[in-house]
Amino acid sequence: MKSFRHRLPPLTSLLVFEAAARAGNFTAAARELHVSQAAVSKQIMQLEEHLGVPLFLRSGRRVSLTSQGEQLQQRVNASFNYLADAVEGIAQKNERRPVLTLSANTAVS
């Protein structure tokens, strides 16, 4: 079985896709991600080339998802939510460690 690395497009392009799909605009996605609009456009083009299907219909500055784009958006959102829940669950377990607080006046410290 191939590793995820060989089966998936770069995760950066999926993060960019998620932001652009949600925003419906590459410029707004770029602002959110703190990158240029050209960087978003390039990531989307590379993702579309990797998948071999168009994900967005472009109309001036607005973009809308194709049917394949809608399917990918649903699955990417579900996957990212699943990963976020897993990371938050691990982080919460680490927060449950006992905390020791020491206090001292300036003469003692």
Protein backbone atom coordinates (compact mmCIF):
# COMPACT_ATOMS: atom_id res chain seq x y z
CA MET A 1 0.00 0.00 0.00
CA LYS A 2 1.31 3.43 -0.91
CA SER A 3 1.92 6.00 1.80
CA PHE A 4 -0.33 9.04 2.16
CA ARG A 5 2.48 11.13 0.75
CA HIS A 6 2.16 9.36 -2.58
CA ARG A 7 -1.64 9.21 -2.63
CA LEU A 8 -2.44 12.79 -1.67
CA PRO A 9 -1.70 16.15 -3.22
CA PRO A 10 0.39 18.48 -1.04
CA LEU A 11 -1.54 19.37 2.11
CA THR A 12 -0.78 23.04 1.55
CA SER A 13 -2.83 22.95 -1.63
CA LEU A 14 -5.73 21.36 0.26
CA LEU A 15 -5.54 24.08 2.94
CA VAL A 16 -5.56 26.74 0.24
CA PHE A 17 -8.44 24.99 -1.52
CA GLU A 18 -10.48 24.92 1.69
CA ALA A 19 -9.97 28.65 2.29
CA ALA A 20 -10.76 29.58 -1.32
CA ALA A 21 -13.85 27.36 -1.43
CA ARG A 22 -15.17 28.84 1.81
CA ALA A 23 -14.42 32.43 0.79
CA GLY A 24 -15.59 32.08 -2.81
CA ASN A 25 -12.75 34.42 -3.74
CA PHE A 26 -9.01 33.84 -4.18
CA THR A 27 -8.11 37.31 -2.90
CA ALA A 28 -10.06 36.82 0.35
CA ALA A 29 -8.44 33.40 0.79
CA ALA A 30 -5.02 34.95 0.21
CA ARG A 31 -5.69 37.60 2.85
CA GLU A 32 -6.77 34.93 5.35
CA LEU A 33 -3.70 32.80 4.64
CA HIS A 34 -1.30 35.78 4.54
CA VAL A 35 -0.10 35.00 1.03
CA SER A 36 -0.54 36.65 -2.34
CA GLN A 37 -3.54 36.08 -4.59
CA ALA A 38 -1.13 34.68 -7.18
CA ALA A 39 0.09 32.08 -4.66
CA VAL A 40 -3.49 30.95 -4.03
CA SER A 41 -4.19 30.79 -7.76
CA LYS A 42 -1.02 28.75 -8.34
CA GLN A 43 -1.85 26.27 -5.54
CA ILE A 44 -5.36 25.81 -6.96
CA MET A 45 -4.02 25.28 -10.48
CA GLN A 46 -1.54 22.68 -9.20
CA LEU A 47 -4.30 20.89 -7.28
CA GLU A 48 -6.54 20.86 -10.35
CA GLU A 49 -3.66 19.49 -12.44
CA HIS A 50 -2.95 16.82 -9.82
CA LEU A 51 -6.59 15.73 -9.76
CA GLY A 52 -7.18 16.19 -13.48
CA VAL A 53 -10.46 18.07 -12.97
CA PRO A 54 -11.46 21.72 -12.59
CA LEU A 55 -12.52 22.55 -9.04
CA PHE A 56 -13.66 26.14 -9.61
CA LEU A 57 -15.67 28.01 -12.20
CA ARG A 58 -14.04 31.39 -12.62
CA SER A 59 -16.19 34.44 -13.28
CA GLY A 60 -14.26 37.67 -12.93
CA ARG A 61 -13.13 37.98 -9.33
CA ARG A 62 -15.69 35.49 -8.05
CA VAL A 63 -15.22 31.76 -8.13
CA SER A 64 -17.70 28.98 -7.49
CA LEU A 65 -17.18 25.30 -7.03
CA THR A 66 -17.76 22.72 -9.73
CA SER A 67 -19.57 19.55 -8.69
CA GLN A 68 -16.19 17.87 -8.19
CA GLY A 69 -15.07 20.89 -6.15
CA GLU A 70 -18.15 20.60 -3.92
CA GLN A 71 -17.44 16.91 -3.32
CA LEU A 72 -13.83 17.65 -2.46
CA GLN A 73 -14.81 20.54 -0.18
CA GLN A 74 -17.14 18.31 1.85
CA ARG A 75 -14.49 15.65 2.31
CA VAL A 76 -11.66 18.08 2.99
CA ASN A 77 -13.76 19.87 5.62
CA ALA A 78 -14.67 16.58 7.28
CA SER A 79 -11.03 15.44 7.22
CA PHE A 80 -9.67 18.70 8.63
CA ASN A 81 -12.34 18.72 11.36
CA TYR A 82 -11.41 15.14 12.26
CA LEU A 83 -7.72 16.07 12.46
CA ALA A 84 -8.46 19.21 14.50
CA ASP A 85 -10.52 17.16 16.97
CA ALA A 86 -7.68 14.65 17.33
CA VAL A 87 -5.10 17.37 17.94
CA GLU A 88 -7.35 19.18 20.43
CA GLY A 89 -7.99 15.89 22.25
CA ILE A 90 -4.27 15.26 22.65
CA ALA A 91 -3.62 18.84 23.73
CA GLN A 92 -6.39 18.63 26.36
CA LYS A 93 -4.85 15.46 27.82
CA ASN A 94 -1.56 17.31 28.24
CA GLU A 95 -3.36 20.17 30.01
CA ARG A 96 -4.63 17.80 32.71
CA ARG A 97 -1.20 17.42 34.27
CA PRO A 98 -1.08 18.64 37.85
CA VAL A 99 0.18 22.16 38.27
CA LEU A 100 2.50 23.09 41.08
CA THR A 101 2.48 26.75 42.06
CA LEU A 102 5.20 28.13 44.33
CA SER A 103 4.88 31.44 46.08
CA ALA A 104 7.54 33.31 47.96
CA ASN A 105 8.10 36.81 49.15
CA THR A 106 11.08 38.74 47.87
CA ALA A 107 13.18 37.99 50.96
CA VAL A 108 12.88 34.22 50.44
CA SER A 109 13.25 34.24 46.67
